[in-house]
C-alpha atoms as a PDB file:
ATOM      1  CA  UNK A   1       0.052  -0.066   0.005  1.00  0.00           C
ATOM      2  CA  UNK A   2       2.791   2.487   1.011  1.00  0.00           C
ATOM      3  CA  UNK A   3       4.624   1.680  -2.425  1.00  0.00           C
ATOM      4  CA  UNK A   4       1.599   2.324  -4.373  1.00  0.00           C
ATOM      5  CA  UNK A   5       0.901   5.738  -2.566  1.00  0.00           C
ATOM      6  CA  UNK A   6       4.564   6.603  -3.119  1.00  0.00           C
ATOM      7  CA  UNK A   7       4.790   5.555  -6.817  1.00  0.00           C
ATOM      8  CA  UNK A   8       1.453   7.154  -7.960  1.00  0.00           C
ATOM      9  CA  UNK A   9       2.384  10.785  -7.141  1.00  0.00           C
ATOM     10  CA  UNK A  10       2.034  11.788 -10.828  1.00  0.00           C
ATOM     11  CA  UNK A  11      -1.562  10.561 -10.837  1.00  0.00           C
ATOM     12  CA  UNK A  12      -2.347  12.346  -7.604  1.00  0.00           C
ATOM     13  CA  UNK A  13      -0.837  15.597  -8.957  1.00  0.00           C
ATOM     14  CA  UNK A  14      -3.040  15.334 -12.193  1.00  0.00           C
ATOM     15  CA  UNK A  15      -6.061  14.603 -10.017  1.00  0.00           C
ATOM     16  CA  UNK A  16      -5.342  17.468  -7.822  1.00  0.00           C
ATOM     17  CA  UNK A  17      -5.010  19.967 -10.644  1.00  0.00           C
ATOM     18  CA  UNK A  18      -8.113  18.833 -12.225  1.00  0.00           C
ATOM     19  CA  UNK A  19     -10.732  17.314 -10.045  1.00  0.00           C
ATOM     20  CA  UNK A  20      -9.126  19.039  -6.942  1.00  0.00           C
ATOM     21  CA  UNK A  21      -9.429  22.558  -8.365  1.00  0.00           C
ATOM     22  CA  UNK A  22     -12.598  22.239 -10.645  1.00  0.00           C
ATOM     23  CA  UNK A  23     -14.500  24.502 -11.337  1.00  0.00           C
ATOM     24  CA  UNK A  24     -11.373  26.675 -11.794  1.00  0.00           C
ATOM     25  CA  UNK A  25     -12.437  30.290 -11.125  1.00  0.00           C
ATOM     26  CA  UNK A  26     -12.390  30.481  -8.210  1.00  0.00           C
ATOM     27  CA  UNK A  27     -11.216  26.957  -7.253  1.00  0.00           C
ATOM     28  CA  UNK A  28     -14.248  25.160  -5.718  1.00  0.00           C
ATOM     29  CA  UNK A  29     -12.200  23.548  -2.880  1.00  0.00           C
ATOM     30  CA  UNK A  30     -11.126  26.892  -1.737  1.00  0.00           C
ATOM     31  CA  UNK A  31     -14.683  28.130  -1.312  1.00  0.00           C
ATOM     32  CA  UNK A  32     -15.585  24.950   0.718  1.00  0.00           C
ATOM     33  CA  UNK A  33     -12.613  25.502   2.966  1.00  0.00           C
ATOM     34  CA  UNK A  34     -13.586  29.165   3.585  1.00  0.00           C
ATOM     35  CA  UNK A  35     -17.079  28.011   4.279  1.00  0.00           C
ATOM     36  CA  UNK A  36     -15.965  25.547   6.860  1.00  0.00           C
ATOM     37  CA  UNK A  37     -13.741  28.196   8.437  1.00  0.00           C
ATOM     38  CA  UNK A  38     -16.682  30.535   8.790  1.00  0.00           C
ATOM     39  CA  UNK A  39     -15.969  33.048   5.980  1.00  0.00           C
ATOM     40  CA  UNK A  40     -18.837  32.029   3.927  1.00  0.00           C
ATOM     41  CA  UNK A  41     -17.892  32.545   0.326  1.00  0.00           C
ATOM     42  CA  UNK A  42     -21.223  31.345  -0.924  1.00  0.00           C
ATOM     43  CA  UNK A  43     -24.511  33.293  -1.120  1.00  0.00           C
ATOM     44  CA  UNK A  44     -26.704  33.049   2.010  1.00  0.00           C
ATOM     45  CA  UNK A  45     -25.760  31.939   5.472  1.00  0.00           C
ATOM     46  CA  UNK A  46     -26.727  28.440   5.346  1.00  0.00           C
ATOM     47  CA  UNK A  47     -24.858  25.765   7.289  1.00  0.00           C
ATOM     48  CA  UNK A  48     -23.124  23.114   5.196  1.00  0.00           C
ATOM     49  CA  UNK A  49     -25.259  20.045   4.434  1.00  0.00           C
ATOM     50  CA  UNK A  50     -23.992  16.586   4.170  1.00  0.00           C
ATOM     51  CA  UNK A  51     -23.722  16.746   0.427  1.00  0.00           C
ATOM     52  CA  UNK A  52     -21.406  19.783   0.853  1.00  0.00           C
ATOM     53  CA  UNK A  53     -19.175  17.698   3.066  1.00  0.00           C
ATOM     54  CA  UNK A  54     -19.282  14.975   0.578  1.00  0.00           C
ATOM     55  CA  UNK A  55     -18.331  17.435  -2.124  1.00  0.00           C
ATOM     56  CA  UNK A  56     -15.442  18.705  -0.042  1.00  0.00           C
ATOM     57  CA  UNK A  57     -14.211  15.092   0.407  1.00  0.00           C
ATOM     58  CA  UNK A  58     -14.299  14.570  -3.401  1.00  0.00           C
ATOM     59  CA  UNK A  59     -12.351  17.596  -4.192  1.00  0.00           C
ATOM     60  CA  UNK A  60      -9.970  17.398  -1.299  1.00  0.00           C
ATOM     61  CA  UNK A  61      -9.063  13.676  -1.545  1.00  0.00           C
ATOM     62  CA  UNK A  62      -6.589  14.196  -4.331  1.00  0.00           C
ATOM     63  CA  UNK A  63      -4.878  16.796  -2.390  1.00  0.00           C
ATOM     64  CA  UNK A  64      -4.690  14.659   0.671  1.00  0.00           C
ATOM     65  CA  UNK A  65      -3.272  11.613  -1.423  1.00  0.00           C
ATOM     66  CA  UNK A  66      -0.703  13.961  -3.062  1.00  0.00           C
ATOM     67  CA  UNK A  67       0.439  15.204   0.336  1.00  0.00           C
ATOM     68  CA  UNK A  68       0.661  11.637   1.710  1.00  0.00           C
ATOM     69  CA  UNK A  69       2.580  10.533  -1.358  1.00  0.00           C
ATOM     70  CA  UNK A  70       4.963  13.599  -1.142  1.00  0.00           C
ATOM     71  CA  UNK A  71       5.698  12.811   2.714  1.00  0.00           C
ATOM     72  CA  UNK A  72       6.406   9.140   1.852  1.00  0.00           C
ATOM     73  CA  UNK A  73       8.731  10.031  -0.935  1.00  0.00           C
ATOM     74  CA  UNK A  74      10.463  12.467   1.292  1.00  0.00           C
ATOM     75  CA  UNK A  75      10.890   9.936   4.188  1.00  0.00           C
ATOM     76  CA  UNK A  76      12.084   7.224   1.623  1.00  0.00           C
ATOM     77  CA  UNK A  77      14.749   9.585   0.434  1.00  0.00           C
ATOM     78  CA  UNK A  78      15.728  10.585   3.964  1.00  0.00           C
ATOM     79  CA  UNK A  79      16.003   6.996   4.870  1.00  0.00           C
ATOM     80  CA  UNK A  80      18.234   6.224   1.827  1.00  0.00           C
ATOM     81  CA  UNK A  81      20.625   9.168   2.665  1.00  0.00           C
ATOM     82  CA  UNK A  82      20.830   8.080   6.408  1.00  0.00           C
ATOM     83  CA  UNK A  83      21.822   4.526   5.472  1.00  0.00           C
ATOM     84  CA  UNK A  84      24.662   5.699   3.092  1.00  0.00           C
END
């Protein structure tokens, strides 16, 4: 599992730049994060519904996977330099 997460960083990068940012102006994920933090970027003062959290998960998951992959690759490189 770790090997797959480490090796698929290019796929996670593409997914982050496409699904993670769509729609692009402004990035949808940014609006959802602002909404959670209280700076409601959307019209109205409605609280987030379950569909909004699911939407955040779908747009945020590529970024989370990319971050995990980057950390695993960094730790792998650090382990290789320590053993040399």
